[in-house]
Amino acid sequence: MDIEALRDTGNRTVPPSGLEGSSLHTTAQRMNYVACITVTRQSADDAGVREIYVSVDGEEIAVLKNGQAVTHELPAGPHRLRAHNTLFWKTHDVVLQPGEHARFKAANLAGWAVFGFLIALGAAPLKLLFEREVN
């Protein structure tokens, strides 16, 4: 492309081929159809062991370790979010509006009997917390 085509013409710079604002138009149109979800595993009550597997509409999007988070873009509309720690499963059916950002928190919680299981078996059942955060 010729550099002269990009030079100032009058008081403003004109992109070649009349592409003024084309990226803004694309972004605005895209935002009309996109929503986001964020799942965090950053609770102080988390036991800190075992991964939490997160999926949206049957597609795994993350394997969260303690302290991690994931943000996922998806089309606005109805979706099924699932989380599990290989022992317990939790499901949320949500309908996301265009531009909405839904936030969820997940954690593996230790109950009163966990340490007895750890001593006897070397593993323990951890209760799964997976809930939507209220904005």
N, C-alpha and C. Protein backbone atom coordinates (compact mmCIF):
# COMPACT_ATOMS: atom_id res chain seq x y z
N MET A 1 0.84 -1.16 0.00
CA MET A 1 0.00 0.00 0.00
C MET A 1 0.89 1.23 0.00
N ASP A 2 0.50 2.23 -0.71
CA ASP A 2 1.24 3.48 -0.82
C ASP A 2 1.08 4.29 0.45
N ILE A 3 2.19 4.78 0.99
CA ILE A 3 2.17 5.56 2.23
C ILE A 3 1.39 6.85 2.06
N GLU A 4 1.34 7.37 0.87
CA GLU A 4 0.59 8.61 0.63
C GLU A 4 -0.91 8.41 0.89
N ALA A 5 -1.38 7.20 0.73
CA ALA A 5 -2.81 6.95 0.96
C ALA A 5 -3.16 7.10 2.43
N LEU A 6 -2.17 6.98 3.32
CA LEU A 6 -2.42 7.08 4.76
C LEU A 6 -2.14 8.46 5.33
N ARG A 7 -1.59 9.35 4.51
CA ARG A 7 -1.21 10.68 5.01
C ARG A 7 -2.44 11.54 5.26
N ASP A 8 -2.22 12.59 6.01
CA ASP A 8 -3.26 13.52 6.39
C ASP A 8 -3.84 14.20 5.15
N THR A 9 -5.16 14.20 5.05
CA THR A 9 -5.84 14.91 3.96
C THR A 9 -6.73 15.95 4.61
N GLY A 10 -6.29 17.17 4.63
CA GLY A 10 -7.04 18.21 5.31
C GLY A 10 -6.72 18.16 6.79
N ASN A 11 -7.75 18.08 7.61
CA ASN A 11 -7.55 18.09 9.05
C ASN A 11 -7.62 16.70 9.69
N ARG A 12 -7.83 15.65 8.91
CA ARG A 12 -7.95 14.33 9.52
C ARG A 12 -7.29 13.27 8.64
N THR A 13 -6.91 12.17 9.24
CA THR A 13 -6.32 11.06 8.52
C THR A 13 -7.44 10.16 8.04
N VAL A 14 -7.42 9.81 6.78
CA VAL A 14 -8.46 8.97 6.21
C VAL A 14 -7.88 7.60 5.89
N PRO A 15 -8.41 6.54 6.44
CA PRO A 15 -7.93 5.22 6.11
C PRO A 15 -8.22 4.90 4.64
N PRO A 16 -7.42 4.04 4.03
CA PRO A 16 -7.66 3.70 2.63
C PRO A 16 -8.97 2.93 2.47
N SER A 17 -9.54 3.02 1.30
CA SER A 17 -10.72 2.27 0.88
C SER A 17 -11.96 2.57 1.71
N GLY A 18 -12.01 3.73 2.33
CA GLY A 18 -13.20 4.12 3.08
C GLY A 18 -13.51 3.22 4.26
N LEU A 19 -12.49 2.72 4.95
CA LEU A 19 -12.70 1.81 6.08
C LEU A 19 -12.83 2.56 7.41
N GLU A 20 -13.24 3.80 7.36
CA GLU A 20 -13.36 4.58 8.59
C GLU A 20 -14.29 3.91 9.58
N GLY A 21 -13.82 3.72 10.79
CA GLY A 21 -14.66 3.18 11.85
C GLY A 21 -15.11 1.75 11.66
N SER A 22 -14.52 1.03 10.72
CA SER A 22 -15.00 -0.32 10.47
C SER A 22 -14.78 -1.23 11.67
N SER A 23 -13.67 -1.05 12.39
CA SER A 23 -13.43 -1.90 13.55
C SER A 23 -14.41 -1.58 14.67
N LEU A 24 -14.79 -0.32 14.81
CA LEU A 24 -15.78 0.04 15.82
C LEU A 24 -17.12 -0.58 15.50
N HIS A 25 -17.49 -0.59 14.25
CA HIS A 25 -18.76 -1.19 13.84
C HIS A 25 -18.77 -2.69 14.13
N THR A 26 -17.66 -3.37 13.83
CA THR A 26 -17.56 -4.81 14.08
C THR A 26 -17.63 -5.11 15.56
N THR A 27 -16.93 -4.33 16.37
CA THR A 27 -16.94 -4.55 17.82
C THR A 27 -18.32 -4.33 18.39
N ALA A 28 -18.98 -3.25 18.01
CA ALA A 28 -20.32 -2.97 18.54
C ALA A 28 -21.29 -4.07 18.15
N GLN A 29 -21.21 -4.55 16.92
CA GLN A 29 -22.10 -5.60 16.48
C GLN A 29 -21.82 -6.89 17.25
N ARG A 30 -20.56 -7.20 17.44
CA ARG A 30 -20.18 -8.43 18.15
C ARG A 30 -20.66 -8.38 19.59
N MET A 31 -20.54 -7.24 20.25
CA MET A 31 -20.94 -7.12 21.64
C MET A 31 -22.44 -7.32 21.82
N ASN A 32 -23.23 -7.14 20.78
CA ASN A 32 -24.67 -7.34 20.86
C ASN A 32 -25.02 -8.81 21.02
N TYR A 33 -24.10 -9.72 20.72
CA TYR A 33 -24.41 -11.14 20.73
C TYR A 33 -23.58 -11.94 21.73
N VAL A 34 -22.64 -11.30 22.42
CA VAL A 34 -21.69 -12.02 23.26
C VAL A 34 -21.98 -11.76 24.74
N ALA A 35 -21.80 -12.80 25.54
CA ALA A 35 -21.85 -12.70 27.00
C ALA A 35 -20.60 -13.38 27.55
N CYS A 36 -20.34 -13.21 28.82
CA CYS A 36 -19.16 -13.81 29.45
C CYS A 36 -19.56 -14.50 30.75
N ILE A 37 -18.81 -15.53 31.08
CA ILE A 37 -18.91 -16.12 32.41
C ILE A 37 -17.50 -16.16 33.00
N THR A 38 -17.42 -15.98 34.29
CA THR A 38 -16.16 -16.12 35.01
C THR A 38 -16.40 -17.07 36.16
N VAL A 39 -15.54 -18.07 36.29
CA VAL A 39 -15.61 -19.00 37.41
C VAL A 39 -14.30 -18.84 38.18
N THR A 40 -14.40 -18.52 39.47
CA THR A 40 -13.22 -18.35 40.31
C THR A 40 -13.16 -19.43 41.37
N ARG A 41 -11.96 -19.82 41.69
CA ARG A 41 -11.74 -20.76 42.79
C ARG A 41 -10.73 -20.10 43.72
N GLN A 42 -11.18 -19.09 44.44
CA GLN A 42 -10.29 -18.29 45.26
C GLN A 42 -10.83 -18.09 46.67
N SER A 43 -11.63 -19.02 47.16
CA SER A 43 -12.21 -18.93 48.49
C SER A 43 -11.18 -19.27 49.56
N ALA A 44 -11.23 -18.55 50.66
CA ALA A 44 -10.35 -18.86 51.80
C ALA A 44 -10.74 -20.19 52.45
N ASP A 45 -11.98 -20.62 52.22
CA ASP A 45 -12.46 -21.88 52.81
C ASP A 45 -12.11 -23.10 51.95
N ASP A 46 -11.53 -22.90 50.77
CA ASP A 46 -11.20 -24.02 49.89
C ASP A 46 -10.15 -24.91 50.54
N ALA A 47 -10.35 -26.22 50.44
CA ALA A 47 -9.40 -27.19 51.03
C ALA A 47 -8.06 -27.17 50.31
N GLY A 48 -8.03 -26.67 49.07
CA GLY A 48 -6.77 -26.54 48.35
C GLY A 48 -6.31 -27.80 47.63
N VAL A 49 -7.12 -28.84 47.64
CA VAL A 49 -6.75 -30.08 46.96
C VAL A 49 -7.84 -30.44 45.97
N ARG A 50 -7.52 -31.32 45.05
CA ARG A 50 -8.39 -31.79 43.97
C ARG A 50 -8.76 -30.65 43.02
N GLU A 51 -8.78 -30.97 41.75
CA GLU A 51 -9.15 -30.00 40.74
C GLU A 51 -10.67 -29.92 40.64
N ILE A 52 -11.15 -28.80 40.09
CA ILE A 52 -12.56 -28.63 39.77
C ILE A 52 -12.65 -28.47 38.26
N TYR A 53 -13.41 -29.34 37.63
CA TYR A 53 -13.58 -29.35 36.18
C TYR A 53 -14.82 -28.55 35.83
N VAL A 54 -14.69 -27.58 34.92
CA VAL A 54 -15.79 -26.70 34.55
C VAL A 54 -16.10 -26.88 33.07
N SER A 55 -17.39 -27.05 32.75
CA SER A 55 -17.80 -27.17 31.35
C SER A 55 -19.01 -26.30 31.08
N VAL A 56 -19.13 -25.88 29.82
CA VAL A 56 -20.27 -25.10 29.35
C VAL A 56 -20.85 -25.83 28.16
N ASP A 57 -22.12 -26.17 28.24
CA ASP A 57 -22.82 -26.87 27.16
C ASP A 57 -22.09 -28.13 26.72
N GLY A 58 -21.53 -28.86 27.67
CA GLY A 58 -20.86 -30.12 27.39
C GLY A 58 -19.42 -29.99 26.96
N GLU A 59 -18.90 -28.77 26.81
CA GLU A 59 -17.50 -28.55 26.40
C GLU A 59 -16.69 -28.10 27.61
N GLU A 60 -15.64 -28.87 27.95
CA GLU A 60 -14.81 -28.50 29.08
C GLU A 60 -14.05 -27.22 28.76
N ILE A 61 -14.14 -26.24 29.68
CA ILE A 61 -13.45 -24.97 29.45
C ILE A 61 -12.29 -24.75 30.41
N ALA A 62 -12.27 -25.51 31.53
CA ALA A 62 -11.18 -25.28 32.49
C ALA A 62 -11.08 -26.43 33.48
N VAL A 63 -9.87 -26.59 33.99
CA VAL A 63 -9.61 -27.45 35.14
C VAL A 63 -8.95 -26.51 36.16
N LEU A 64 -9.72 -26.13 37.18
CA LEU A 64 -9.26 -25.12 38.11
C LEU A 64 -8.57 -25.73 39.33
N LYS A 65 -7.40 -25.22 39.61
CA LYS A 65 -6.70 -25.53 40.86
C LYS A 65 -6.96 -24.38 41.82
N ASN A 66 -6.65 -24.59 43.08
CA ASN A 66 -6.90 -23.56 44.08
C ASN A 66 -6.23 -22.25 43.68
N GLY A 67 -6.97 -21.15 43.76
CA GLY A 67 -6.45 -19.82 43.44
C GLY A 67 -6.63 -19.40 42.00
N GLN A 68 -7.13 -20.27 41.14
CA GLN A 68 -7.27 -19.94 39.72
C GLN A 68 -8.67 -19.44 39.38
N ALA A 69 -8.78 -18.86 38.18
CA ALA A 69 -10.06 -18.39 37.66
C ALA A 69 -10.03 -18.52 36.15
N VAL A 70 -11.22 -18.58 35.54
CA VAL A 70 -11.32 -18.64 34.09
C VAL A 70 -12.47 -17.74 33.65
N THR A 71 -12.26 -17.02 32.55
CA THR A 71 -13.30 -16.22 31.93
C THR A 71 -13.50 -16.76 30.53
N HIS A 72 -14.77 -16.95 30.16
CA HIS A 72 -15.10 -17.58 28.89
C HIS A 72 -16.18 -16.77 28.18
N GLU A 73 -15.92 -16.39 26.92
CA GLU A 73 -16.91 -15.70 26.09
C GLU A 73 -17.80 -16.73 25.42
N LEU A 74 -19.09 -16.42 25.34
CA LEU A 74 -20.01 -17.33 24.67
C LEU A 74 -21.19 -16.52 24.15
N PRO A 75 -21.94 -17.08 23.21
CA PRO A 75 -23.07 -16.34 22.66
C PRO A 75 -24.14 -16.12 23.73
N ALA A 76 -24.81 -14.99 23.67
CA ALA A 76 -25.92 -14.74 24.58
C ALA A 76 -26.99 -15.79 24.36
N GLY A 77 -27.72 -16.13 25.42
CA GLY A 77 -28.77 -17.13 25.32
C GLY A 77 -28.66 -18.15 26.42
N PRO A 78 -29.40 -19.26 26.30
CA PRO A 78 -29.40 -20.27 27.36
C PRO A 78 -28.15 -21.16 27.30
N HIS A 79 -27.63 -21.48 28.49
CA HIS A 79 -26.44 -22.33 28.59
C HIS A 79 -26.53 -23.18 29.85
N ARG A 80 -25.83 -24.31 29.83
CA ARG A 80 -25.73 -25.19 30.99
C ARG A 80 -24.28 -25.22 31.45
N LEU A 81 -24.04 -24.77 32.67
CA LEU A 81 -22.71 -24.78 33.27
C LEU A 81 -22.66 -25.93 34.27
N ARG A 82 -21.58 -26.70 34.19
CA ARG A 82 -21.40 -27.82 35.11
C ARG A 82 -20.01 -27.76 35.71
N ALA A 83 -19.95 -28.14 36.97
CA ALA A 83 -18.66 -28.23 37.65
C ALA A 83 -18.66 -29.53 38.44
N HIS A 84 -17.50 -30.17 38.51
CA HIS A 84 -17.38 -31.38 39.32
C HIS A 84 -15.95 -31.54 39.81
N ASN A 85 -15.84 -32.28 40.91
CA ASN A 85 -14.52 -32.59 41.46
C ASN A 85 -14.28 -34.10 41.41
N THR A 86 -14.91 -34.77 40.47
CA THR A 86 -14.91 -36.22 40.19
C THR A 86 -15.74 -37.01 41.19
N LEU A 87 -16.26 -36.36 42.22
CA LEU A 87 -17.11 -37.04 43.18
C LEU A 87 -18.49 -36.38 43.25
N PHE A 88 -18.51 -35.06 43.28
CA PHE A 88 -19.76 -34.30 43.33
C PHE A 88 -19.90 -33.44 42.09
N TRP A 89 -21.14 -33.32 41.57
CA TRP A 89 -21.46 -32.54 40.39
C TRP A 89 -22.47 -31.47 40.76
N LYS A 90 -22.31 -30.28 40.19
CA LYS A 90 -23.28 -29.19 40.35
C LYS A 90 -23.55 -28.61 38.97
N THR A 91 -24.82 -28.27 38.72
CA THR A 91 -25.23 -27.74 37.42
C THR A 91 -26.02 -26.45 37.60
N HIS A 92 -25.76 -25.48 36.73
CA HIS A 92 -26.54 -24.24 36.68
C HIS A 92 -27.02 -24.06 35.25
N ASP A 93 -28.32 -23.90 35.08
CA ASP A 93 -28.89 -23.52 33.79
C ASP A 93 -29.11 -22.01 33.84
N VAL A 94 -28.48 -21.29 32.91
CA VAL A 94 -28.56 -19.83 32.90
C VAL A 94 -28.96 -19.33 31.53
N VAL A 95 -29.61 -18.19 31.50
CA VAL A 95 -29.90 -17.49 30.26
C VAL A 95 -29.17 -16.16 30.35
N LEU A 96 -28.17 -15.99 29.49
CA LEU A 96 -27.34 -14.79 29.52
C LEU A 96 -27.82 -13.79 28.49
N GLN A 97 -27.91 -12.55 28.90
CA GLN A 97 -28.31 -11.46 28.02
C GLN A 97 -27.08 -10.94 27.28
N PRO A 98 -27.26 -10.31 26.12
CA PRO A 98 -26.11 -9.74 25.40
C PRO A 98 -25.35 -8.75 26.28
N GLY A 99 -24.05 -8.92 26.35
CA GLY A 99 -23.20 -8.05 27.15
C GLY A 99 -23.14 -8.42 28.63
N GLU A 100 -23.90 -9.40 29.06
CA GLU A 100 -23.92 -9.79 30.48
C GLU A 100 -22.64 -10.53 30.86
N HIS A 101 -22.19 -10.33 32.09
CA HIS A 101 -21.02 -11.03 32.61
C HIS A 101 -21.44 -11.71 33.91
N ALA A 102 -21.67 -13.01 33.84
CA ALA A 102 -22.09 -13.79 35.01
C ALA A 102 -20.86 -14.32 35.72
N ARG A 103 -20.88 -14.22 37.05
CA ARG A 103 -19.73 -14.68 37.85
C ARG A 103 -20.16 -15.80 38.78
N PHE A 104 -19.32 -16.83 38.84
CA PHE A 104 -19.58 -17.99 39.69
C PHE A 104 -18.37 -18.23 40.56
N LYS A 105 -18.61 -18.80 41.74
CA LYS A 105 -17.48 -19.19 42.59
C LYS A 105 -17.57 -20.69 42.82
N ALA A 106 -16.41 -21.31 42.87
CA ALA A 106 -16.31 -22.75 43.07
C ALA A 106 -15.28 -23.00 44.15
N ALA A 107 -15.49 -24.08 44.91
CA ALA A 107 -14.53 -24.43 45.96
C ALA A 107 -14.75 -25.88 46.37
N ASN A 108 -13.70 -26.53 46.78
CA ASN A 108 -13.77 -27.85 47.41
C ASN A 108 -13.71 -27.61 48.92
N LEU A 109 -14.79 -27.96 49.60
CA LEU A 109 -14.88 -27.69 51.04
C LEU A 109 -14.67 -28.96 51.84
N ALA A 110 -13.90 -28.86 52.87
CA ALA A 110 -13.63 -29.99 53.75
C ALA A 110 -14.66 -30.02 54.87
N GLY A 111 -15.25 -31.18 55.09
CA GLY A 111 -16.19 -31.35 56.19
C GLY A 111 -15.48 -31.80 57.45
N TRP A 112 -16.24 -32.11 58.48
CA TRP A 112 -15.66 -32.49 59.77
C TRP A 112 -14.95 -33.85 59.72
N ALA A 113 -15.34 -34.74 58.79
CA ALA A 113 -14.77 -36.09 58.76
C ALA A 113 -13.60 -36.22 57.79
N VAL A 114 -13.22 -35.14 57.13
CA VAL A 114 -12.19 -35.22 56.09
C VAL A 114 -10.86 -35.72 56.63
N PHE A 115 -10.45 -35.24 57.77
CA PHE A 115 -9.12 -35.62 58.28
C PHE A 115 -9.07 -37.09 58.67
N GLY A 116 -10.18 -37.63 59.15
CA GLY A 116 -10.23 -39.06 59.45
C GLY A 116 -10.07 -39.89 58.19
N PHE A 117 -10.74 -39.47 57.09
CA PHE A 117 -10.59 -40.15 55.81
C PHE A 117 -9.16 -40.03 55.30
N LEU A 118 -8.58 -38.85 55.44
CA LEU A 118 -7.20 -38.65 54.97
C LEU A 118 -6.23 -39.58 55.68
N ILE A 119 -6.40 -39.73 56.98
CA ILE A 119 -5.50 -40.60 57.74
C ILE A 119 -5.71 -42.06 57.36
N ALA A 120 -6.98 -42.48 57.23
CA ALA A 120 -7.29 -43.89 56.97
C ALA A 120 -7.07 -44.29 55.51
N LEU A 121 -7.50 -43.43 54.59
CA LEU A 121 -7.48 -43.81 53.17
C LEU A 121 -6.46 -43.06 52.33
N GLY A 122 -5.99 -41.95 52.81
CA GLY A 122 -5.08 -41.13 52.01
C GLY A 122 -5.82 -40.22 51.06
N ALA A 123 -7.15 -40.25 51.08
CA ALA A 123 -7.99 -39.39 50.25
C ALA A 123 -9.26 -39.09 51.03
N ALA A 124 -9.94 -38.04 50.66
CA ALA A 124 -11.16 -37.67 51.39
C ALA A 124 -12.18 -37.07 50.44
N PRO A 125 -13.48 -37.32 50.72
CA PRO A 125 -14.51 -36.67 49.92
C PRO A 125 -14.60 -35.19 50.28
N LEU A 126 -14.57 -34.35 49.28
CA LEU A 126 -14.65 -32.91 49.49
C LEU A 126 -15.96 -32.41 48.88
N LYS A 127 -16.74 -31.70 49.65
CA LYS A 127 -17.99 -31.14 49.18
C LYS A 127 -17.68 -30.06 48.15
N LEU A 128 -18.44 -30.03 47.06
CA LEU A 128 -18.24 -29.05 46.00
C LEU A 128 -19.19 -27.88 46.19
N LEU A 129 -18.63 -26.69 46.24
CA LEU A 129 -19.42 -25.46 46.23
C LEU A 129 -19.34 -24.89 44.82
N PHE A 130 -20.48 -24.64 44.20
CA PHE A 130 -20.51 -24.02 42.87
C PHE A 130 -21.78 -23.19 42.81
N GLU A 131 -21.62 -21.88 42.98
CA GLU A 131 -22.80 -21.01 42.99
C GLU A 131 -22.53 -19.69 42.29
N ARG A 132 -23.65 -19.08 41.85
CA ARG A 132 -23.55 -17.81 41.16
C ARG A 132 -23.40 -16.70 42.18
N GLU A 133 -22.50 -15.78 41.89
CA GLU A 133 -22.29 -14.64 42.77
C GLU A 133 -23.34 -13.58 42.47
N VAL A 134 -23.83 -12.93 43.50
CA VAL A 134 -24.81 -11.87 43.33
C VAL A 134 -24.04 -10.56 43.16
N ASN A 135 -24.37 -9.84 42.08
CA ASN A 135 -23.64 -8.58 41.80
C ASN A 135 -24.08 -7.48 42.69
